[in-house]
Amino acid sequence: MATSGSDNNMTSTMTGVLNTDGVTITPLKISPTSNVLDINDGVSGSDFGKDDAERDQNGEPVSIVASSSDGTTPVPLYVDSSGCLLIKST
């Protein structure tokens, strides 16, 4: 099980779950030159149906968002093995 990083104030880094299994905690990454979040747009995949946020070894939950279908259902952020946030803008 992974552990999210944290700063000197113990604020955790942003994490999601790996898109291939829905449970492996994976940190989101940014481009070090532009400080822009790396994304992979238009990727399809399975929602593994877990509405509860996975937790790392320190008990820190992964990031979750509200589903666009109803605005309330919690959905974990899915991340690929390169740390890119998976989105589908169309």
PDB file of N, CA and C in Angstrom:
ATOM      1  N   MET A   1       0.842  -1.175   0.000  1.00  0.00           N
ATOM      2  CA  MET A   1       0.000   0.000   0.000  1.00  0.00           C
ATOM      3  C   MET A   1       0.885   1.236   0.000  1.00  0.00           C
ATOM      4  N   ALA A   2       0.508   2.237  -0.746  1.00  0.00           N
ATOM      5  CA  ALA A   2       1.287   3.462  -0.869  1.00  0.00           C
ATOM      6  C   ALA A   2       0.963   4.433   0.258  1.00  0.00           C
ATOM      7  N   THR A   3       1.842   5.388   0.423  1.00  0.00           N
ATOM      8  CA  THR A   3       1.641   6.463   1.379  1.00  0.00           C
ATOM      9  C   THR A   3       1.765   7.778   0.638  1.00  0.00           C
ATOM     10  N   SER A   4       0.791   8.669   0.805  1.00  0.00           N
ATOM     11  CA  SER A   4       0.875   9.958   0.142  1.00  0.00           C
ATOM     12  C   SER A   4       1.952  10.799   0.805  1.00  0.00           C
ATOM     13  N   GLY A   5       2.551  11.674   0.036  1.00  0.00           N
ATOM     14  CA  GLY A   5       3.540  12.589   0.586  1.00  0.00           C
ATOM     15  C   GLY A   5       2.852  13.708   1.340  1.00  0.00           C
ATOM     16  N   SER A   6       3.627  14.474   2.082  1.00  0.00           N
ATOM     17  CA  SER A   6       3.056  15.626   2.791  1.00  0.00           C
ATOM     18  C   SER A   6       4.115  16.707   2.936  1.00  0.00           C
ATOM     19  N   ASP A   7       3.640  17.928   3.180  1.00  0.00           N
ATOM     20  CA  ASP A   7       4.561  19.036   3.382  1.00  0.00           C
ATOM     21  C   ASP A   7       4.883  19.182   4.869  1.00  0.00           C
ATOM     22  N   ASN A   8       5.585  20.243   5.227  1.00  0.00           N
ATOM     23  CA  ASN A   8       5.982  20.454   6.620  1.00  0.00           C
ATOM     24  C   ASN A   8       4.790  20.715   7.547  1.00  0.00           C
ATOM     25  N   ASN A   9       3.640  21.077   6.977  1.00  0.00           N
ATOM     26  CA  ASN A   9       2.427  21.299   7.774  1.00  0.00           C
ATOM     27  C   ASN A   9       1.541  20.059   7.815  1.00  0.00           C
ATOM     28  N   MET A  10       2.077  18.935   7.316  1.00  0.00           N
ATOM     29  CA  MET A  10       1.361  17.662   7.286  1.00  0.00           C
ATOM     30  C   MET A  10       0.133  17.683   6.366  1.00  0.00           C
ATOM     31  N   THR A  11       0.162  18.554   5.341  1.00  0.00           N
ATOM     32  CA  THR A  11      -0.878  18.559   4.326  1.00  0.00           C
ATOM     33  C   THR A  11      -0.506  17.529   3.282  1.00  0.00           C
ATOM     34  N   SER A  12      -1.397  16.590   3.028  1.00  0.00           N
ATOM     35  CA  SER A  12      -1.099  15.488   2.121  1.00  0.00           C
ATOM     36  C   SER A  12      -1.126  15.920   0.666  1.00  0.00           C
ATOM     37  N   THR A  13      -0.326  15.236  -0.132  1.00  0.00           N
ATOM     38  CA  THR A  13      -0.364  15.450  -1.570  1.00  0.00           C
ATOM     39  C   THR A  13      -1.644  14.848  -2.133  1.00  0.00           C
ATOM     40  N   MET A  14      -2.002  15.264  -3.320  1.00  0.00           N
ATOM     41  CA  MET A  14      -3.214  14.785  -3.961  1.00  0.00           C
ATOM     42  C   MET A  14      -2.964  13.401  -4.556  1.00  0.00           C
ATOM     43  N   THR A  15      -3.846  12.456  -4.231  1.00  0.00           N
ATOM     44  CA  THR A  15      -3.719  11.102  -4.741  1.00  0.00           C
ATOM     45  C   THR A  15      -5.052  10.635  -5.310  1.00  0.00           C
ATOM     46  N   GLY A  16      -4.959   9.650  -6.177  1.00  0.00           N
ATOM     47  CA  GLY A  16      -6.138   8.992  -6.724  1.00  0.00           C
ATOM     48  C   GLY A  16      -5.892   7.501  -6.697  1.00  0.00           C
ATOM     49  N   VAL A  17      -6.731   6.759  -7.404  1.00  0.00           N
ATOM     50  CA  VAL A  17      -6.530   5.319  -7.494  1.00  0.00           C
ATOM     51  C   VAL A  17      -6.148   4.961  -8.925  1.00  0.00           C
ATOM     52  N   LEU A  18      -5.367   3.916  -9.048  1.00  0.00           N
ATOM     53  CA  LEU A  18      -4.880   3.474 -10.348  1.00  0.00           C
ATOM     54  C   LEU A  18      -6.049   2.992 -11.200  1.00  0.00           C
ATOM     55  N   ASN A  19      -6.068   3.418 -12.454  1.00  0.00           N
ATOM     56  CA  ASN A  19      -7.191   3.106 -13.337  1.00  0.00           C
ATOM     57  C   ASN A  19      -7.294   1.631 -13.698  1.00  0.00           C
ATOM     58  N   THR A  20      -6.273   0.847 -13.454  1.00  0.00           N
ATOM     59  CA  THR A  20      -6.322  -0.566 -13.824  1.00  0.00           C
ATOM     60  C   THR A  20      -6.933  -1.466 -12.757  1.00  0.00           C
ATOM     61  N   ASP A  21      -6.967  -0.991 -11.499  1.00  0.00           N
ATOM     62  CA  ASP A  21      -7.554  -1.835 -10.453  1.00  0.00           C
ATOM     63  C   ASP A  21      -8.492  -1.095  -9.501  1.00  0.00           C
ATOM     64  N   GLY A  22      -8.453   0.231  -9.503  1.00  0.00           N
ATOM     65  CA  GLY A  22      -9.353   1.006  -8.661  1.00  0.00           C
ATOM     66  C   GLY A  22      -9.010   1.035  -7.186  1.00  0.00           C
ATOM     67  N   VAL A  23      -7.867   0.449  -6.778  1.00  0.00           N
ATOM     68  CA  VAL A  23      -7.512   0.446  -5.361  1.00  0.00           C
ATOM     69  C   VAL A  23      -6.071   0.886  -5.074  1.00  0.00           C
ATOM     70  N   THR A  24      -5.182   0.757  -6.051  1.00  0.00           N
ATOM     71  CA  THR A  24      -3.787   1.133  -5.808  1.00  0.00           C
ATOM     72  C   THR A  24      -3.671   2.649  -5.756  1.00  0.00           C
ATOM     73  N   ILE A  25      -3.239   3.160  -4.612  1.00  0.00           N
ATOM     74  CA  ILE A  25      -3.124   4.599  -4.421  1.00  0.00           C
ATOM     75  C   ILE A  25      -1.943   5.122  -5.234  1.00  0.00           C
ATOM     76  N   THR A  26      -2.211   6.155  -6.040  1.00  0.00           N
ATOM     77  CA  THR A  26      -1.227   6.688  -6.971  1.00  0.00           C
ATOM     78  C   THR A  26      -1.219   8.211  -6.875  1.00  0.00           C
ATOM     79  N   PRO A  27      -0.033   8.823  -6.709  1.00  0.00           N
ATOM     80  CA  PRO A  27       0.014  10.283  -6.625  1.00  0.00           C
ATOM     81  C   PRO A  27      -0.200  10.932  -7.988  1.00  0.00           C
ATOM     82  N   LEU A  28      -0.899  12.063  -7.996  1.00  0.00           N
ATOM     83  CA  LEU A  28      -1.011  12.859  -9.204  1.00  0.00           C
ATOM     84  C   LEU A  28       0.302  13.604  -9.376  1.00  0.00           C
ATOM     85  N   LYS A  29       0.698  13.836 -10.602  1.00  0.00           N
ATOM     86  CA  LYS A  29       1.976  14.499 -10.862  1.00  0.00           C
ATOM     87  C   LYS A  29       1.775  15.751 -11.684  1.00  0.00           C
ATOM     88  N   ILE A  30       2.725  16.667 -11.535  1.00  0.00           N
ATOM     89  CA  ILE A  30       2.717  17.901 -12.308  1.00  0.00           C
ATOM     90  C   ILE A  30       3.984  17.967 -13.137  1.00  0.00           C
ATOM     91  N   SER A  31       3.923  18.802 -14.168  1.00  0.00           N
ATOM     92  CA  SER A  31       5.111  19.062 -14.970  1.00  0.00           C
ATOM     93  C   SER A  31       6.041  19.948 -14.143  1.00  0.00           C
ATOM     94  N   PRO A  32       7.282  19.532 -13.921  1.00  0.00           N
ATOM     95  CA  PRO A  32       8.172  20.324 -13.070  1.00  0.00           C
ATOM     96  C   PRO A  32       8.566  21.675 -13.667  1.00  0.00           C
ATOM     97  N   THR A  33       8.453  21.818 -14.984  1.00  0.00           N
ATOM     98  CA  THR A  33       8.833  23.102 -15.589  1.00  0.00           C
ATOM     99  C   THR A  33       7.694  24.106 -15.605  1.00  0.00           C
ATOM    100  N   SER A  34       6.450  23.640 -15.703  1.00  0.00           N
ATOM    101  CA  SER A  34       5.316  24.557 -15.786  1.00  0.00           C
ATOM    102  C   SER A  34       4.408  24.513 -14.565  1.00  0.00           C
ATOM    103  N   ASN A  35       4.606  23.527 -13.681  1.00  0.00           N
ATOM    104  CA  ASN A  35       3.738  23.328 -12.518  1.00  0.00           C
ATOM    105  C   ASN A  35       2.281  23.119 -12.905  1.00  0.00           C
ATOM    106  N   VAL A  36       2.063  22.465 -14.047  1.00  0.00           N
ATOM    107  CA  VAL A  36       0.730  22.164 -14.540  1.00  0.00           C
ATOM    108  C   VAL A  36       0.445  20.692 -14.298  1.00  0.00           C
ATOM    109  N   LEU A  37      -0.763  20.399 -13.839  1.00  0.00           N
ATOM    110  CA  LEU A  37      -1.180  19.024 -13.588  1.00  0.00           C
ATOM    111  C   LEU A  37      -1.166  18.228 -14.886  1.00  0.00           C
ATOM    112  N   ASP A  38      -0.546  17.054 -14.869  1.00  0.00           N
ATOM    113  CA  ASP A  38      -0.538  16.171 -16.023  1.00  0.00           C
ATOM    114  C   ASP A  38      -1.885  15.461 -16.113  1.00  0.00           C
ATOM    115  N   ILE A  39      -2.521  15.533 -17.289  1.00  0.00           N
ATOM    116  CA  ILE A  39      -3.806  14.871 -17.492  1.00  0.00           C
ATOM    117  C   ILE A  39      -3.750  14.006 -18.743  1.00  0.00           C
ATOM    118  N   ASN A  40      -4.657  13.079 -18.820  1.00  0.00           N
ATOM    119  CA  ASN A  40      -4.848  12.263 -20.003  1.00  0.00           C
ATOM    120  C   ASN A  40      -6.326  12.381 -20.332  1.00  0.00           C
ATOM    121  N   ASP A  41      -6.657  13.144 -21.374  1.00  0.00           N
ATOM    122  CA  ASP A  41      -8.041  13.473 -21.710  1.00  0.00           C
ATOM    123  C   ASP A  41      -8.627  12.450 -22.684  1.00  0.00           C
ATOM    124  N   GLY A  42      -9.868  12.091 -22.460  1.00  0.00           N
ATOM    125  CA  GLY A  42     -10.590  11.225 -23.374  1.00  0.00           C
ATOM    126  C   GLY A  42     -10.360   9.750 -23.147  1.00  0.00           C
ATOM    127  N   VAL A  43      -9.732   9.426 -22.054  1.00  0.00           N
ATOM    128  CA  VAL A  43      -9.459   8.021 -21.772  1.00  0.00           C
ATOM    129  C   VAL A  43     -10.718   7.367 -21.228  1.00  0.00           C
ATOM    130  N   SER A  44     -11.063   6.245 -21.801  1.00  0.00           N
ATOM    131  CA  SER A  44     -12.201   5.520 -21.262  1.00  0.00           C
ATOM    132  C   SER A  44     -11.694   4.462 -20.304  1.00  0.00           C
ATOM    133  N   GLY A  45     -12.558   3.979 -19.509  1.00  0.00           N
ATOM    134  CA  GLY A  45     -12.160   2.959 -18.553  1.00  0.00           C
ATOM    135  C   GLY A  45     -13.323   2.565 -17.684  1.00  0.00           C
ATOM    136  N   SER A  46     -13.066   1.695 -16.775  1.00  0.00           N
ATOM    137  CA  SER A  46     -14.113   1.205 -15.896  1.00  0.00           C
ATOM    138  C   SER A  46     -14.135   1.994 -14.605  1.00  0.00           C
ATOM    139  N   ASP A  47     -15.336   2.256 -14.123  1.00  0.00           N
ATOM    140  CA  ASP A  47     -15.499   2.760 -12.770  1.00  0.00           C
ATOM    141  C   ASP A  47     -15.615   1.513 -11.917  1.00  0.00           C
ATOM    142  N   PHE A  48     -14.702   1.340 -11.011  1.00  0.00           N
ATOM    143  CA  PHE A  48     -14.687   0.123 -10.214  1.00  0.00           C
ATOM    144  C   PHE A  48     -15.777   0.110  -9.144  1.00  0.00           C
ATOM    145  N   GLY A  49     -16.601   1.168  -9.121  1.00  0.00           N
ATOM    146  CA  GLY A  49     -17.777   1.168  -8.275  1.00  0.00           C
ATOM    147  C   GLY A  49     -17.542   1.421  -6.802  1.00  0.00           C
ATOM    148  N   LYS A  50     -16.309   1.727  -6.416  1.00  0.00           N
ATOM    149  CA  LYS A  50     -16.052   1.994  -5.002  1.00  0.00           C
ATOM    150  C   LYS A  50     -16.401   3.452  -4.712  1.00  0.00           C
ATOM    151  N   ASP A  51     -17.383   3.661  -3.875  1.00  0.00           N
ATOM    152  CA  ASP A  51     -17.785   5.017  -3.524  1.00  0.00           C
ATOM    153  C   ASP A  51     -17.084   5.521  -2.270  1.00  0.00           C
ATOM    154  N   ASP A  52     -16.337   4.641  -1.599  1.00  0.00           N
ATOM    155  CA  ASP A  52     -15.568   5.058  -0.437  1.00  0.00           C
ATOM    156  C   ASP A  52     -14.122   5.291  -0.870  1.00  0.00           C
ATOM    157  N   ALA A  53     -13.529   6.339  -0.361  1.00  0.00           N
ATOM    158  CA  ALA A  53     -12.151   6.657  -0.719  1.00  0.00           C
ATOM    159  C   ALA A  53     -11.183   5.646  -0.107  1.00  0.00           C
ATOM    160  N   GLU A  54     -10.289   5.138  -0.935  1.00  0.00           N
ATOM    161  CA  GLU A  54      -9.219   4.281  -0.416  1.00  0.00           C
ATOM    162  C   GLU A  54      -8.362   5.113   0.527  1.00  0.00           C
ATOM    163  N   ARG A  55      -7.699   4.469   1.467  1.00  0.00           N
ATOM    164  CA  ARG A  55      -6.828   5.169   2.414  1.00  0.00           C
ATOM    165  C   ARG A  55      -5.432   4.584   2.355  1.00  0.00           C
ATOM    166  N   ASP A  56      -4.436   5.471   2.514  1.00  0.00           N
ATOM    167  CA  ASP A  56      -3.051   5.005   2.485  1.00  0.00           C
ATOM    168  C   ASP A  56      -2.655   4.439   3.845  1.00  0.00           C
ATOM    169  N   GLN A  57      -1.390   4.088   3.990  1.00  0.00           N
ATOM    170  CA  GLN A  57      -0.913   3.478   5.236  1.00  0.00           C
ATOM    171  C   GLN A  57      -1.060   4.392   6.439  1.00  0.00           C
ATOM    172  N   ASN A  58      -1.138   5.695   6.204  1.00  0.00           N
ATOM    173  CA  ASN A  58      -1.309   6.652   7.297  1.00  0.00           C
ATOM    174  C   ASN A  58      -2.769   7.020   7.528  1.00  0.00           C
ATOM    175  N   GLY A  59      -3.679   6.381   6.803  1.00  0.00           N
ATOM    176  CA  GLY A  59      -5.095   6.672   6.959  1.00  0.00           C
ATOM    177  C   GLY A  59      -5.579   7.852   6.151  1.00  0.00           C
ATOM    178  N   GLU A  60      -4.717   8.424   5.300  1.00  0.00           N
ATOM    179  CA  GLU A  60      -5.112   9.567   4.477  1.00  0.00           C
ATOM    180  C   GLU A  60      -5.926   9.079   3.283  1.00  0.00           C
ATOM    181  N   PRO A  61      -7.090   9.674   3.027  1.00  0.00           N
ATOM    182  CA  PRO A  61      -7.919   9.231   1.905  1.00  0.00           C
ATOM    183  C   PRO A  61      -7.429   9.791   0.575  1.00  0.00           C
ATOM    184  N   VAL A  62      -7.729   9.056  -0.514  1.00  0.00           N
ATOM    185  CA  VAL A  62      -7.480   9.596  -1.846  1.00  0.00           C
ATOM    186  C   VAL A  62      -8.506  10.690  -2.109  1.00  0.00           C
ATOM    187  N   SER A  63      -8.250  11.494  -3.115  1.00  0.00           N
ATOM    188  CA  SER A  63      -9.185  12.557  -3.470  1.00  0.00           C
ATOM    189  C   SER A  63     -10.412  11.972  -4.144  1.00  0.00           C
ATOM    190  N   ILE A  64     -11.566  12.512  -3.802  1.00  0.00           N
ATOM    191  CA  ILE A  64     -12.805  12.109  -4.450  1.00  0.00           C
ATOM    192  C   ILE A  64     -13.507  13.361  -4.956  1.00  0.00           C
ATOM    193  N   VAL A  65     -14.380  13.169  -5.920  1.00  0.00           N
ATOM    194  CA  VAL A  65     -15.159  14.264  -6.493  1.00  0.00           C
ATOM    195  C   VAL A  65     -16.606  13.809  -6.618  1.00  0.00           C
ATOM    196  N   ALA A  66     -17.503  14.753  -6.883  1.00  0.00           N
ATOM    197  CA  ALA A  66     -18.914  14.416  -7.088  1.00  0.00           C
ATOM    198  C   ALA A  66     -19.137  14.029  -8.541  1.00  0.00           C
ATOM    199  N   SER A  67     -19.927  12.995  -8.762  1.00  0.00           N
ATOM    200  CA  SER A  67     -20.238  12.526 -10.107  1.00  0.00           C
ATOM    201  C   SER A  67     -20.982  13.599 -10.890  1.00  0.00           C
ATOM    202  N   SER A  68     -20.643  13.724 -12.175  1.00  0.00           N
ATOM    203  CA  SER A  68     -21.343  14.693 -13.025  1.00  0.00           C
ATOM    204  C   SER A  68     -22.763  14.240 -13.347  1.00  0.00           C
ATOM    205  N   SER A  69     -23.067  12.956 -13.144  1.00  0.00           N
ATOM    206  CA  SER A  69     -24.406  12.461 -13.470  1.00  0.00           C
ATOM    207  C   SER A  69     -25.462  12.937 -12.483  1.00  0.00           C
ATOM    208  N   ASP A  70     -25.104  13.038 -11.193  1.00  0.00           N
ATOM    209  CA  ASP A  70     -26.101  13.481 -10.215  1.00  0.00           C
ATOM    210  C   ASP A  70     -25.586  14.565  -9.273  1.00  0.00           C
ATOM    211  N   GLY A  71     -24.308  14.857  -9.329  1.00  0.00           N
ATOM    212  CA  GLY A  71     -23.743  15.920  -8.498  1.00  0.00           C
ATOM    213  C   GLY A  71     -23.516  15.551  -7.050  1.00  0.00           C
ATOM    214  N   THR A  72     -23.806  14.312  -6.664  1.00  0.00           N
ATOM    215  CA  THR A  72     -23.632  13.931  -5.263  1.00  0.00           C
ATOM    216  C   THR A  72     -22.878  12.625  -5.048  1.00  0.00           C
ATOM    217  N   THR A  73     -22.966  11.703  -5.984  1.00  0.00           N
ATOM    218  CA  THR A  73     -22.309  10.406  -5.807  1.00  0.00           C
ATOM    219  C   THR A  73     -20.799  10.586  -5.781  1.00  0.00           C
ATOM    220  N   PRO A  74     -20.124  10.125  -4.719  1.00  0.00           N
ATOM    221  CA  PRO A  74     -18.673  10.280  -4.655  1.00  0.00           C
ATOM    222  C   PRO A  74     -17.970   9.320  -5.625  1.00  0.00           C
ATOM    223  N   VAL A  75     -16.975   9.850  -6.322  1.00  0.00           N
ATOM    224  CA  VAL A  75     -16.192   9.066  -7.269  1.00  0.00           C
ATOM    225  C   VAL A  75     -14.723   9.368  -7.005  1.00  0.00           C
ATOM    226  N   PRO A  76     -13.892   8.333  -6.852  1.00  0.00           N
ATOM    227  CA  PRO A  76     -12.471   8.601  -6.654  1.00  0.00           C
ATOM    228  C   PRO A  76     -11.831   9.122  -7.942  1.00  0.00           C
ATOM    229  N   LEU A  77     -10.775   9.903  -7.796  1.00  0.00           N
ATOM    230  CA  LEU A  77     -10.019  10.317  -8.978  1.00  0.00           C
ATOM    231  C   LEU A  77      -9.236   9.119  -9.487  1.00  0.00           C
ATOM    232  N   TYR A  78      -9.289   8.901 -10.785  1.00  0.00           N
ATOM    233  CA  TYR A  78      -8.529   7.815 -11.407  1.00  0.00           C
ATOM    234  C   TYR A  78      -7.269   8.392 -12.035  1.00  0.00           C
ATOM    235  N   VAL A  79      -6.169   7.674 -11.838  1.00  0.00           N
ATOM    236  CA  VAL A  79      -4.852   8.115 -12.265  1.00  0.00           C
ATOM    237  C   VAL A  79      -4.197   6.960 -13.014  1.00  0.00           C
ATOM    238  N   ASP A  80      -3.437   7.286 -14.081  1.00  0.00           N
ATOM    239  CA  ASP A  80      -2.713   6.202 -14.754  1.00  0.00           C
ATOM    240  C   ASP A  80      -1.363   5.986 -14.086  1.00  0.00           C
ATOM    241  N   SER A  81      -0.633   4.987 -14.542  1.00  0.00           N
ATOM    242  CA  SER A  81       0.627   4.625 -13.885  1.00  0.00           C
ATOM    243  C   SER A  81       1.701   5.701 -14.014  1.00  0.00           C
ATOM    244  N   SER A  82       1.489   6.690 -14.887  1.00  0.00           N
ATOM    245  CA  SER A  82       2.438   7.803 -15.020  1.00  0.00           C
ATOM    246  C   SER A  82       2.081   8.971 -14.114  1.00  0.00           C
ATOM    247  N   GLY A  83       0.986   8.856 -13.367  1.00  0.00           N
ATOM    248  CA  GLY A  83       0.565   9.925 -12.480  1.00  0.00           C
ATOM    249  C   GLY A  83      -0.321  10.959 -13.145  1.00  0.00           C
ATOM    250  N   CYS A  84      -0.808  10.661 -14.370  1.00  0.00           N
ATOM    251  CA  CYS A  84      -1.697  11.579 -15.073  1.00  0.00           C
ATOM    252  C   CYS A  84      -3.138  11.383 -14.592  1.00  0.00           C
ATOM    253  N   LEU A  85      -3.793  12.493 -14.285  1.00  0.00           N
ATOM    254  CA  LEU A  85      -5.208  12.459 -13.922  1.00  0.00           C
ATOM    255  C   LEU A  85      -6.003  12.115 -15.171  1.00  0.00           C
ATOM    256  N   LEU A  86      -6.915  11.161 -15.075  1.00  0.00           N
ATOM    257  CA  LEU A  86      -7.736  10.768 -16.225  1.00  0.00           C
ATOM    258  C   LEU A  86      -9.022  11.563 -16.221  1.00  0.00           C
ATOM    259  N   ILE A  87      -9.278  12.238 -17.340  1.00  0.00           N
ATOM    260  CA  ILE A  87     -10.507  13.013 -17.487  1.00  0.00           C
ATOM    261  C   ILE A  87     -11.128  12.681 -18.832  1.00  0.00           C
ATOM    262  N   LYS A  88     -12.372  13.033 -18.981  1.00  0.00           N
ATOM    263  CA  LYS A  88     -13.040  12.901 -20.272  1.00  0.00           C
ATOM    264  C   LYS A  88     -13.851  14.167 -20.466  1.00  0.00           C
ATOM    265  N   SER A  89     -13.317  15.086 -21.276  1.00  0.00           N
ATOM    266  CA  SER A  89     -13.953  16.393 -21.428  1.00  0.00           C
ATOM    267  C   SER A  89     -15.046  16.397 -22.471  1.00  0.00           C
ATOM    268  N   THR A  90     -15.214  15.333 -23.223  1.00  0.00           N
ATOM    269  CA  THR A  90     -16.274  15.302 -24.230  1.00  0.00           C
ATOM    270  C   THR A  90     -17.279  14.228 -23.913  1.00  0.00           C
TER     271      THR A  90
END
